[in-house]
Amino acid sequence: MPLRKLVIRLLPMLLAIALLAAGCSAGEAAQAFTAQTLDGGSFTEKDIAAKDLTAINFWGTFCSPCIAEMPDLAAFEKALPDNVQLITVCTDAQGNEGKAKALLELAGYEGITLVSGDESFQSLLTDIQAIPTTIFLDSSGKQVGKAVIGGQADLSGVFLDAMNKALQEGGKKEISLEA
């Protein structure tokens, strides 16, 4: 692909990353926001407030490590108890919706995937410098725990440990994966 076309395709992602870098600090709670899902729905701060913890995984259709870990993410998401959730944000889904849907379907991921959002949504998502990266938000929308960078050999174990540490920080009960 010629460099010019690559830059044009990556421009929306680069703008999103710039907005993220200029956003609120990890200690701030989420403001009202609206994000659009890949299936045409919407996702708001109320969806985050409904759970003790929300894990948000950032990935792209062009990212081999992202695609490689997607089946593990799908299995992990399906095994989570009701008080926590794992959602994804496809950084390049706009214009690539079909490809994003196909990759998710192939991986068996049936959860929520966000494709865009308003400025308030962008500002609550901080510290994203690479993909795949997963951050954790408590029910108030405050980023808790440490971000997990992709390429984990034991993704399920690493995510479970990170989620339980974040839950402990918030005084919430630890979780275990459903059998």
N, C-alpha and C. Protein backbone atom coordinates (compact mmCIF):
# COMPACT_ATOMS: atom_id res chain seq x y z
N MET A 1 0.85 -1.17 0.00
CA MET A 1 0.00 0.00 0.00
C MET A 1 0.90 1.24 0.00
N PRO A 2 0.66 2.19 -0.89
CA PRO A 2 1.45 3.42 -0.92
C PRO A 2 1.35 4.16 0.41
N LEU A 3 2.42 4.85 0.77
CA LEU A 3 2.50 5.56 2.04
C LEU A 3 1.35 6.55 2.21
N ARG A 4 1.00 7.27 1.16
CA ARG A 4 -0.09 8.25 1.24
C ARG A 4 -1.41 7.59 1.65
N LYS A 5 -1.73 6.44 1.03
CA LYS A 5 -2.97 5.74 1.36
C LYS A 5 -2.92 5.21 2.79
N LEU A 6 -1.76 4.73 3.22
CA LEU A 6 -1.61 4.23 4.59
C LEU A 6 -1.85 5.35 5.58
N VAL A 7 -1.25 6.52 5.34
CA VAL A 7 -1.44 7.67 6.23
C VAL A 7 -2.91 8.07 6.28
N ILE A 8 -3.58 8.10 5.12
CA ILE A 8 -4.99 8.46 5.08
C ILE A 8 -5.83 7.46 5.88
N ARG A 9 -5.51 6.18 5.77
CA ARG A 9 -6.27 5.15 6.51
C ARG A 9 -6.01 5.22 8.00
N LEU A 10 -4.78 5.60 8.39
CA LEU A 10 -4.43 5.65 9.81
C LEU A 10 -4.78 6.98 10.46
N LEU A 11 -5.10 8.00 9.68
CA LEU A 11 -5.38 9.32 10.22
C LEU A 11 -6.47 9.31 11.29
N PRO A 12 -7.63 8.63 11.07
CA PRO A 12 -8.64 8.63 12.14
C PRO A 12 -8.10 8.04 13.45
N MET A 13 -7.31 6.98 13.37
CA MET A 13 -6.75 6.38 14.57
C MET A 13 -5.77 7.34 15.24
N LEU A 14 -4.94 8.01 14.45
CA LEU A 14 -3.98 8.94 15.02
C LEU A 14 -4.69 10.10 15.70
N LEU A 15 -5.77 10.58 15.10
CA LEU A 15 -6.55 11.65 15.74
C LEU A 15 -7.17 11.17 17.05
N ALA A 16 -7.68 9.95 17.06
CA ALA A 16 -8.26 9.39 18.29
C ALA A 16 -7.20 9.28 19.37
N ILE A 17 -6.00 8.83 19.00
CA ILE A 17 -4.93 8.72 19.98
C ILE A 17 -4.55 10.09 20.51
N ALA A 18 -4.52 11.10 19.64
CA ALA A 18 -4.21 12.45 20.09
C ALA A 18 -5.27 12.94 21.06
N LEU A 19 -6.54 12.66 20.78
CA LEU A 19 -7.60 13.04 21.70
C LEU A 19 -7.45 12.31 23.02
N LEU A 20 -7.08 11.06 22.97
CA LEU A 20 -6.88 10.29 24.19
C LEU A 20 -5.75 10.88 25.02
N ALA A 21 -4.66 11.22 24.37
CA ALA A 21 -3.51 11.77 25.08
C ALA A 21 -3.85 13.11 25.73
N ALA A 22 -4.77 13.85 25.14
CA ALA A 22 -5.15 15.15 25.68
C ALA A 22 -6.29 15.05 26.68
N GLY A 23 -6.75 13.86 26.94
CA GLY A 23 -7.92 13.64 27.79
C GLY A 23 -7.63 13.80 29.26
N CYS A 24 -8.60 13.35 30.07
CA CYS A 24 -8.51 13.50 31.51
C CYS A 24 -7.50 12.54 32.08
N SER A 25 -7.07 12.81 33.30
CA SER A 25 -6.11 11.92 33.95
C SER A 25 -6.80 10.65 34.40
N ALA A 26 -5.99 9.65 34.74
CA ALA A 26 -6.52 8.34 35.12
C ALA A 26 -7.40 8.41 36.35
N GLY A 27 -7.26 9.43 37.18
CA GLY A 27 -8.03 9.51 38.40
C GLY A 27 -9.40 10.14 38.25
N GLU A 28 -9.69 10.73 37.11
CA GLU A 28 -10.96 11.40 36.92
C GLU A 28 -12.05 10.41 36.52
N ALA A 29 -13.27 10.70 36.93
CA ALA A 29 -14.41 9.86 36.57
C ALA A 29 -14.97 10.29 35.21
N ALA A 30 -15.69 9.38 34.61
CA ALA A 30 -16.25 9.62 33.29
C ALA A 30 -17.36 10.67 33.35
N GLN A 31 -17.38 11.52 32.34
CA GLN A 31 -18.47 12.44 32.15
C GLN A 31 -19.52 11.71 31.32
N ALA A 32 -20.63 12.36 31.09
CA ALA A 32 -21.63 11.78 30.19
C ALA A 32 -21.01 11.65 28.81
N PHE A 33 -21.20 10.50 28.18
CA PHE A 33 -20.65 10.28 26.85
C PHE A 33 -21.56 9.34 26.09
N THR A 34 -21.37 9.32 24.79
CA THR A 34 -22.06 8.38 23.92
C THR A 34 -21.06 7.84 22.91
N ALA A 35 -21.06 6.52 22.77
CA ALA A 35 -20.23 5.85 21.77
C ALA A 35 -21.13 4.98 20.91
N GLN A 36 -20.71 4.80 19.67
CA GLN A 36 -21.47 3.97 18.75
C GLN A 36 -20.85 2.57 18.71
N THR A 37 -21.73 1.56 18.66
CA THR A 37 -21.27 0.17 18.61
C THR A 37 -21.23 -0.30 17.16
N LEU A 38 -20.47 -1.34 16.94
CA LEU A 38 -20.32 -1.91 15.59
C LEU A 38 -21.66 -2.39 15.04
N ASP A 39 -22.54 -2.82 15.92
CA ASP A 39 -23.85 -3.33 15.47
C ASP A 39 -24.89 -2.23 15.34
N GLY A 40 -24.49 -0.96 15.46
CA GLY A 40 -25.40 0.16 15.26
C GLY A 40 -26.07 0.68 16.51
N GLY A 41 -25.75 0.14 17.66
CA GLY A 41 -26.32 0.61 18.92
C GLY A 41 -25.49 1.73 19.52
N SER A 42 -25.79 2.02 20.78
CA SER A 42 -25.01 3.04 21.49
C SER A 42 -24.59 2.49 22.84
N PHE A 43 -23.56 3.09 23.39
CA PHE A 43 -22.98 2.69 24.67
C PHE A 43 -22.66 3.99 25.38
N THR A 44 -23.06 4.10 26.65
CA THR A 44 -22.86 5.34 27.40
C THR A 44 -22.23 5.06 28.75
N GLU A 45 -22.02 6.13 29.49
CA GLU A 45 -21.49 6.01 30.85
C GLU A 45 -22.41 5.17 31.74
N LYS A 46 -23.69 5.11 31.40
CA LYS A 46 -24.63 4.28 32.17
C LYS A 46 -24.32 2.80 32.02
N ASP A 47 -23.79 2.40 30.87
CA ASP A 47 -23.40 1.01 30.66
C ASP A 47 -22.17 0.66 31.49
N ILE A 48 -21.30 1.62 31.72
CA ILE A 48 -20.15 1.42 32.59
C ILE A 48 -20.60 1.39 34.04
N ALA A 49 -21.51 2.30 34.41
CA ALA A 49 -22.00 2.38 35.78
C ALA A 49 -22.75 1.12 36.20
N ALA A 50 -23.29 0.39 35.25
CA ALA A 50 -24.07 -0.82 35.55
C ALA A 50 -23.20 -2.00 35.99
N LYS A 51 -21.89 -1.88 35.85
CA LYS A 51 -20.96 -2.97 36.18
C LYS A 51 -19.95 -2.50 37.21
N ASP A 52 -19.45 -3.45 38.02
CA ASP A 52 -18.40 -3.12 38.98
C ASP A 52 -17.10 -2.74 38.27
N LEU A 53 -16.86 -3.36 37.11
CA LEU A 53 -15.62 -3.11 36.38
C LEU A 53 -15.86 -3.35 34.89
N THR A 54 -15.29 -2.47 34.07
CA THR A 54 -15.35 -2.61 32.62
C THR A 54 -13.93 -2.64 32.08
N ALA A 55 -13.59 -3.72 31.39
CA ALA A 55 -12.31 -3.82 30.69
C ALA A 55 -12.55 -3.37 29.25
N ILE A 56 -11.69 -2.48 28.76
CA ILE A 56 -11.83 -1.98 27.39
C ILE A 56 -10.56 -2.33 26.63
N ASN A 57 -10.71 -3.18 25.62
CA ASN A 57 -9.60 -3.63 24.80
C ASN A 57 -9.59 -2.85 23.49
N PHE A 58 -8.45 -2.21 23.19
CA PHE A 58 -8.27 -1.45 21.96
C PHE A 58 -7.54 -2.32 20.96
N TRP A 59 -8.08 -2.40 19.74
CA TRP A 59 -7.49 -3.23 18.70
C TRP A 59 -7.75 -2.62 17.34
N GLY A 60 -7.11 -3.17 16.32
CA GLY A 60 -7.31 -2.70 14.96
C GLY A 60 -7.32 -3.86 13.98
N THR A 61 -8.02 -3.68 12.88
CA THR A 61 -8.11 -4.74 11.88
C THR A 61 -6.78 -4.97 11.18
N PHE A 62 -5.86 -4.04 11.27
CA PHE A 62 -4.55 -4.11 10.64
C PHE A 62 -3.48 -4.71 11.57
N CYS A 63 -3.86 -5.00 12.81
CA CYS A 63 -2.91 -5.36 13.87
C CYS A 63 -2.88 -6.88 14.08
N SER A 64 -1.81 -7.52 13.62
CA SER A 64 -1.69 -8.97 13.74
C SER A 64 -1.76 -9.46 15.19
N PRO A 65 -1.06 -8.82 16.16
CA PRO A 65 -1.18 -9.27 17.54
C PRO A 65 -2.61 -9.13 18.09
N CYS A 66 -3.33 -8.09 17.64
CA CYS A 66 -4.72 -7.90 18.06
C CYS A 66 -5.58 -9.06 17.58
N ILE A 67 -5.42 -9.39 16.32
CA ILE A 67 -6.21 -10.47 15.72
C ILE A 67 -5.86 -11.81 16.35
N ALA A 68 -4.56 -12.00 16.64
CA ALA A 68 -4.11 -13.26 17.24
C ALA A 68 -4.71 -13.49 18.62
N GLU A 69 -4.90 -12.41 19.41
CA GLU A 69 -5.43 -12.59 20.76
C GLU A 69 -6.96 -12.56 20.82
N MET A 70 -7.62 -12.24 19.72
CA MET A 70 -9.07 -12.10 19.74
C MET A 70 -9.80 -13.38 20.15
N PRO A 71 -9.42 -14.59 19.71
CA PRO A 71 -10.12 -15.79 20.20
C PRO A 71 -10.01 -15.95 21.73
N ASP A 72 -8.85 -15.62 22.29
CA ASP A 72 -8.69 -15.69 23.75
C ASP A 72 -9.57 -14.64 24.43
N LEU A 73 -9.64 -13.44 23.84
CA LEU A 73 -10.53 -12.40 24.39
C LEU A 73 -11.98 -12.85 24.34
N ALA A 74 -12.36 -13.48 23.25
CA ALA A 74 -13.74 -13.95 23.09
C ALA A 74 -14.08 -14.97 24.17
N ALA A 75 -13.19 -15.93 24.40
CA ALA A 75 -13.43 -16.95 25.42
C ALA A 75 -13.47 -16.33 26.81
N PHE A 76 -12.57 -15.38 27.07
CA PHE A 76 -12.53 -14.70 28.36
C PHE A 76 -13.82 -13.93 28.60
N GLU A 77 -14.26 -13.18 27.60
CA GLU A 77 -15.48 -12.36 27.73
C GLU A 77 -16.69 -13.24 28.04
N LYS A 78 -16.80 -14.39 27.40
CA LYS A 78 -17.93 -15.29 27.62
C LYS A 78 -17.93 -15.90 29.02
N ALA A 79 -16.76 -16.01 29.64
CA ALA A 79 -16.64 -16.64 30.95
C ALA A 79 -16.82 -15.68 32.12
N LEU A 80 -16.94 -14.39 31.84
CA LEU A 80 -17.02 -13.40 32.92
C LEU A 80 -18.37 -13.44 33.63
N PRO A 81 -18.35 -13.20 34.95
CA PRO A 81 -19.62 -13.08 35.67
C PRO A 81 -20.33 -11.78 35.30
N ASP A 82 -21.58 -11.67 35.70
CA ASP A 82 -22.43 -10.54 35.29
C ASP A 82 -22.00 -9.17 35.82
N ASN A 83 -21.20 -9.12 36.90
CA ASN A 83 -20.87 -7.82 37.48
C ASN A 83 -19.69 -7.12 36.80
N VAL A 84 -19.07 -7.80 35.83
CA VAL A 84 -17.96 -7.20 35.08
C VAL A 84 -18.20 -7.41 33.58
N GLN A 85 -17.53 -6.59 32.78
CA GLN A 85 -17.68 -6.73 31.34
C GLN A 85 -16.37 -6.43 30.63
N LEU A 86 -16.21 -7.02 29.47
CA LEU A 86 -15.10 -6.73 28.58
C LEU A 86 -15.71 -6.28 27.26
N ILE A 87 -15.34 -5.08 26.84
CA ILE A 87 -15.77 -4.56 25.55
C ILE A 87 -14.52 -4.25 24.74
N THR A 88 -14.69 -4.08 23.44
CA THR A 88 -13.55 -3.72 22.61
C THR A 88 -13.83 -2.41 21.89
N VAL A 89 -12.75 -1.76 21.49
CA VAL A 89 -12.81 -0.56 20.65
C VAL A 89 -11.95 -0.86 19.44
N CYS A 90 -12.57 -0.92 18.27
CA CYS A 90 -11.83 -1.14 17.03
C CYS A 90 -11.42 0.23 16.51
N THR A 91 -10.11 0.50 16.55
CA THR A 91 -9.61 1.83 16.24
C THR A 91 -9.76 2.24 14.79
N ASP A 92 -9.94 1.27 13.91
CA ASP A 92 -10.06 1.60 12.49
C ASP A 92 -11.34 1.04 11.87
N ALA A 93 -12.37 0.86 12.66
CA ALA A 93 -13.60 0.23 12.16
C ALA A 93 -14.36 1.11 11.19
N GLN A 94 -14.30 2.43 11.35
CA GLN A 94 -15.05 3.29 10.44
C GLN A 94 -14.50 3.12 9.03
N GLY A 95 -15.36 2.65 8.15
CA GLY A 95 -14.96 2.34 6.79
C GLY A 95 -14.50 0.90 6.61
N ASN A 96 -14.28 0.23 7.72
CA ASN A 96 -13.85 -1.18 7.71
C ASN A 96 -14.81 -2.05 8.53
N GLU A 97 -16.06 -1.63 8.61
CA GLU A 97 -17.01 -2.34 9.46
C GLU A 97 -17.13 -3.82 9.09
N GLY A 98 -17.20 -4.11 7.80
CA GLY A 98 -17.32 -5.49 7.35
C GLY A 98 -16.13 -6.34 7.78
N LYS A 99 -14.94 -5.79 7.61
CA LYS A 99 -13.73 -6.52 8.01
C LYS A 99 -13.71 -6.73 9.51
N ALA A 100 -14.05 -5.69 10.29
CA ALA A 100 -14.07 -5.81 11.75
C ALA A 100 -15.07 -6.89 12.18
N LYS A 101 -16.27 -6.86 11.60
CA LYS A 101 -17.29 -7.86 11.94
C LYS A 101 -16.82 -9.27 11.60
N ALA A 102 -16.19 -9.42 10.44
CA ALA A 102 -15.71 -10.74 10.01
C ALA A 102 -14.63 -11.26 10.96
N LEU A 103 -13.71 -10.40 11.37
CA LEU A 103 -12.65 -10.82 12.29
C LEU A 103 -13.22 -11.22 13.65
N LEU A 104 -14.18 -10.44 14.13
CA LEU A 104 -14.80 -10.76 15.42
C LEU A 104 -15.59 -12.06 15.34
N GLU A 105 -16.31 -12.25 14.26
CA GLU A 105 -17.08 -13.47 14.07
C GLU A 105 -16.16 -14.69 14.00
N LEU A 106 -15.09 -14.57 13.25
CA LEU A 106 -14.12 -15.66 13.12
C LEU A 106 -13.51 -16.03 14.48
N ALA A 107 -13.29 -15.02 15.31
CA ALA A 107 -12.71 -15.24 16.64
C ALA A 107 -13.74 -15.74 17.65
N GLY A 108 -15.03 -15.60 17.33
CA GLY A 108 -16.08 -16.01 18.26
C GLY A 108 -16.44 -14.94 19.28
N TYR A 109 -16.01 -13.70 19.05
CA TYR A 109 -16.33 -12.62 19.98
C TYR A 109 -17.75 -12.13 19.73
N GLU A 110 -18.57 -12.17 20.77
CA GLU A 110 -19.97 -11.77 20.65
C GLU A 110 -20.31 -10.55 21.50
N GLY A 111 -19.31 -9.98 22.14
CA GLY A 111 -19.54 -8.84 23.03
C GLY A 111 -19.67 -7.53 22.27
N ILE A 112 -19.59 -6.46 23.01
CA ILE A 112 -19.76 -5.11 22.47
C ILE A 112 -18.45 -4.61 21.88
N THR A 113 -18.53 -4.04 20.69
CA THR A 113 -17.38 -3.39 20.06
C THR A 113 -17.78 -1.96 19.71
N LEU A 114 -17.01 -1.01 20.22
CA LEU A 114 -17.25 0.39 19.93
C LEU A 114 -16.43 0.80 18.72
N VAL A 115 -17.00 1.69 17.91
CA VAL A 115 -16.31 2.12 16.70
C VAL A 115 -16.06 3.62 16.68
N SER A 116 -16.78 4.38 17.47
CA SER A 116 -16.57 5.82 17.53
C SER A 116 -17.29 6.35 18.77
N GLY A 117 -17.01 7.58 19.08
CA GLY A 117 -17.66 8.19 20.24
C GLY A 117 -17.49 9.68 20.23
N ASP A 118 -18.25 10.33 21.09
CA ASP A 118 -18.16 11.77 21.17
C ASP A 118 -16.88 12.18 21.92
N GLU A 119 -16.65 13.47 21.99
CA GLU A 119 -15.42 13.98 22.61
C GLU A 119 -15.29 13.55 24.07
N SER A 120 -16.39 13.51 24.80
CA SER A 120 -16.34 13.09 26.20
C SER A 120 -15.90 11.65 26.33
N PHE A 121 -16.36 10.80 25.42
CA PHE A 121 -15.93 9.40 25.43
C PHE A 121 -14.43 9.33 25.16
N GLN A 122 -13.97 10.04 24.16
CA GLN A 122 -12.55 10.01 23.82
C GLN A 122 -11.69 10.47 24.99
N SER A 123 -12.15 11.47 25.73
CA SER A 123 -11.32 12.03 26.80
C SER A 123 -11.22 11.12 28.01
N LEU A 124 -12.18 10.19 28.18
CA LEU A 124 -12.08 9.32 29.35
C LEU A 124 -11.12 8.16 29.14
N LEU A 125 -10.73 7.92 27.91
CA LEU A 125 -9.85 6.80 27.59
C LEU A 125 -8.42 7.29 27.45
N THR A 126 -7.62 7.06 28.49
CA THR A 126 -6.27 7.61 28.50
C THR A 126 -5.22 6.50 28.42
N ASP A 127 -4.01 6.92 28.26
CA ASP A 127 -2.83 6.05 28.31
C ASP A 127 -2.73 5.04 27.17
N ILE A 128 -3.46 5.23 26.10
CA ILE A 128 -3.38 4.28 24.99
C ILE A 128 -2.26 4.75 24.05
N GLN A 129 -1.16 4.01 24.08
CA GLN A 129 -0.03 4.36 23.24
C GLN A 129 0.26 3.29 22.21
N ALA A 130 -0.33 2.12 22.39
CA ALA A 130 -0.11 1.01 21.46
C ALA A 130 -1.34 0.11 21.50
N ILE A 131 -1.49 -0.69 20.46
CA ILE A 131 -2.56 -1.68 20.48
C ILE A 131 -1.95 -3.03 20.17
N PRO A 132 -2.48 -4.09 20.72
CA PRO A 132 -3.62 -4.14 21.62
C PRO A 132 -3.25 -3.70 23.04
N THR A 133 -4.12 -2.93 23.63
CA THR A 133 -4.02 -2.49 25.02
C THR A 133 -5.40 -2.60 25.65
N THR A 134 -5.43 -3.00 26.91
CA THR A 134 -6.68 -3.09 27.65
C THR A 134 -6.56 -2.25 28.91
N ILE A 135 -7.56 -1.39 29.14
CA ILE A 135 -7.63 -0.59 30.36
C ILE A 135 -8.86 -1.02 31.15
N PHE A 136 -8.93 -0.58 32.40
CA PHE A 136 -10.02 -0.98 33.29
C PHE A 136 -10.64 0.27 33.91
N LEU A 137 -11.98 0.31 33.89
CA LEU A 137 -12.73 1.42 34.47
C LEU A 137 -13.65 0.89 35.55
N ASP A 138 -13.70 1.60 36.69
CA ASP A 138 -14.67 1.23 37.71
C ASP A 138 -16.05 1.76 37.32
N SER A 139 -17.03 1.55 38.16
CA SER A 139 -18.40 1.92 37.80
C SER A 139 -18.61 3.42 37.65
N SER A 140 -17.71 4.23 38.21
CA SER A 140 -17.82 5.68 38.03
C SER A 140 -17.10 6.14 36.77
N GLY A 141 -16.44 5.22 36.07
CA GLY A 141 -15.71 5.58 34.86
C GLY A 141 -14.27 5.96 35.12
N LYS A 142 -13.82 5.80 36.36
CA LYS A 142 -12.43 6.11 36.72
C LYS A 142 -11.54 4.95 36.29
N GLN A 143 -10.42 5.29 35.64
CA GLN A 143 -9.47 4.24 35.25
C GLN A 143 -8.80 3.72 36.51
N VAL A 144 -8.80 2.39 36.66
CA VAL A 144 -8.20 1.73 37.82
C VAL A 144 -7.24 0.66 37.35
N GLY A 145 -6.32 0.30 38.22
CA GLY A 145 -5.36 -0.75 37.87
C GLY A 145 -4.42 -0.29 36.78
N LYS A 146 -3.65 -1.25 36.29
CA LYS A 146 -2.68 -0.97 35.25
C LYS A 146 -3.17 -1.50 33.92
N ALA A 147 -2.86 -0.78 32.86
CA ALA A 147 -3.21 -1.22 31.52
C ALA A 147 -2.44 -2.51 31.21
N VAL A 148 -3.06 -3.37 30.43
CA VAL A 148 -2.42 -4.60 29.98
C VAL A 148 -2.13 -4.46 28.49
N ILE A 149 -0.87 -4.61 28.15
CA ILE A 149 -0.45 -4.56 26.75
C ILE A 149 -0.59 -5.97 26.18
N GLY A 150 -0.99 -6.08 24.92
CA GLY A 150 -1.24 -7.37 24.29
C GLY A 150 -0.02 -8.26 24.19
N GLY A 151 -0.24 -9.44 23.65
CA GLY A 151 0.84 -10.39 23.47
C GLY A 151 1.10 -11.25 24.69
N GLN A 152 0.12 -11.36 25.57
CA GLN A 152 0.28 -12.15 26.78
C GLN A 152 0.14 -13.63 26.46
N ALA A 153 1.07 -14.44 26.96
CA ALA A 153 1.00 -15.89 26.72
C ALA A 153 -0.22 -16.49 27.42
N ASP A 154 -0.55 -15.99 28.61
CA ASP A 154 -1.71 -16.47 29.37
C ASP A 154 -2.68 -15.31 29.52
N LEU A 155 -3.31 -14.92 28.42
CA LEU A 155 -4.19 -13.75 28.42
C LEU A 155 -5.26 -13.86 29.51
N SER A 156 -5.91 -15.00 29.61
CA SER A 156 -6.97 -15.17 30.59
C SER A 156 -6.46 -14.96 32.02
N GLY A 157 -5.33 -15.54 32.33
CA GLY A 157 -4.75 -15.40 33.67
C GLY A 157 -4.33 -13.98 33.97
N VAL A 158 -3.69 -13.33 32.99
CA VAL A 158 -3.24 -11.95 33.16
C VAL A 158 -4.44 -11.02 33.33
N PHE A 159 -5.47 -11.20 32.49
CA PHE A 159 -6.66 -10.36 32.60
C PHE A 159 -7.39 -10.59 33.92
N LEU A 160 -7.53 -11.84 34.32
CA LEU A 160 -8.23 -12.14 35.57
C LEU A 160 -7.49 -11.51 36.74
N ASP A 161 -6.17 -11.62 36.76
CA ASP A 161 -5.37 -11.02 37.83
C ASP A 161 -5.53 -9.50 37.83
N ALA A 162 -5.45 -8.87 36.65
CA ALA A 162 -5.58 -7.42 36.56
C ALA A 162 -6.97 -6.96 37.00
N MET A 163 -8.00 -7.70 36.59
CA MET A 163 -9.36 -7.33 36.97
C MET A 163 -9.56 -7.48 38.48
N ASN A 164 -9.04 -8.54 39.05
CA ASN A 164 -9.20 -8.74 40.50
C ASN A 164 -8.45 -7.68 41.30
N LYS A 165 -7.28 -7.27 40.84
CA LYS A 165 -6.56 -6.18 41.51
C LYS A 165 -7.36 -4.89 41.43
N ALA A 166 -7.93 -4.60 40.27
CA ALA A 166 -8.74 -3.39 40.10
C ALA A 166 -9.99 -3.45 40.97
N LEU A 167 -10.62 -4.61 41.04
CA LEU A 167 -11.80 -4.77 41.90
C LEU A 167 -11.43 -4.56 43.37
N GLN A 168 -10.30 -5.12 43.78
CA GLN A 168 -9.84 -4.95 45.17
C GLN A 168 -9.62 -3.49 45.49
N GLU A 169 -9.01 -2.74 44.55
CA GLU A 169 -8.79 -1.31 44.74
C GLU A 169 -10.09 -0.59 45.05
N GLY A 170 -11.17 -1.04 44.44
CA GLY A 170 -12.47 -0.41 44.63
C GLY A 170 -13.29 -1.03 45.75
N GLY A 171 -12.68 -1.92 46.50
CA GLY A 171 -13.40 -2.56 47.60
C GLY A 171 -14.45 -3.56 47.15
N LYS A 172 -14.30 -4.08 45.95
CA LYS A 172 -15.26 -5.04 45.39
C LYS A 172 -14.72 -6.45 45.53
N LYS A 173 -15.63 -7.41 45.49
CA LYS A 173 -15.28 -8.82 45.61
C LYS A 173 -14.57 -9.30 44.34
N GLU A 174 -13.54 -10.13 44.52
CA GLU A 174 -12.84 -10.72 43.38
C GLU A 174 -13.77 -11.63 42.60
N ILE A 175 -13.42 -11.88 41.36
CA ILE A 175 -14.21 -12.73 40.50
C ILE A 175 -13.43 -14.00 40.16
N SER A 176 -14.15 -14.99 39.69
CA SER A 176 -13.52 -16.16 39.09
C SER A 176 -14.26 -16.40 37.78
N LEU A 177 -13.62 -17.12 36.90
CA LEU A 177 -14.25 -17.37 35.60
C LEU A 177 -15.25 -18.49 35.71
N GLU A 178 -16.36 -18.33 34.99
CA GLU A 178 -17.40 -19.38 34.97
C GLU A 178 -16.85 -20.61 34.28
N ALA A 179 -17.30 -21.75 34.76
CA ALA A 179 -16.82 -23.01 34.17
C ALA A 179 -17.53 -23.29 32.87
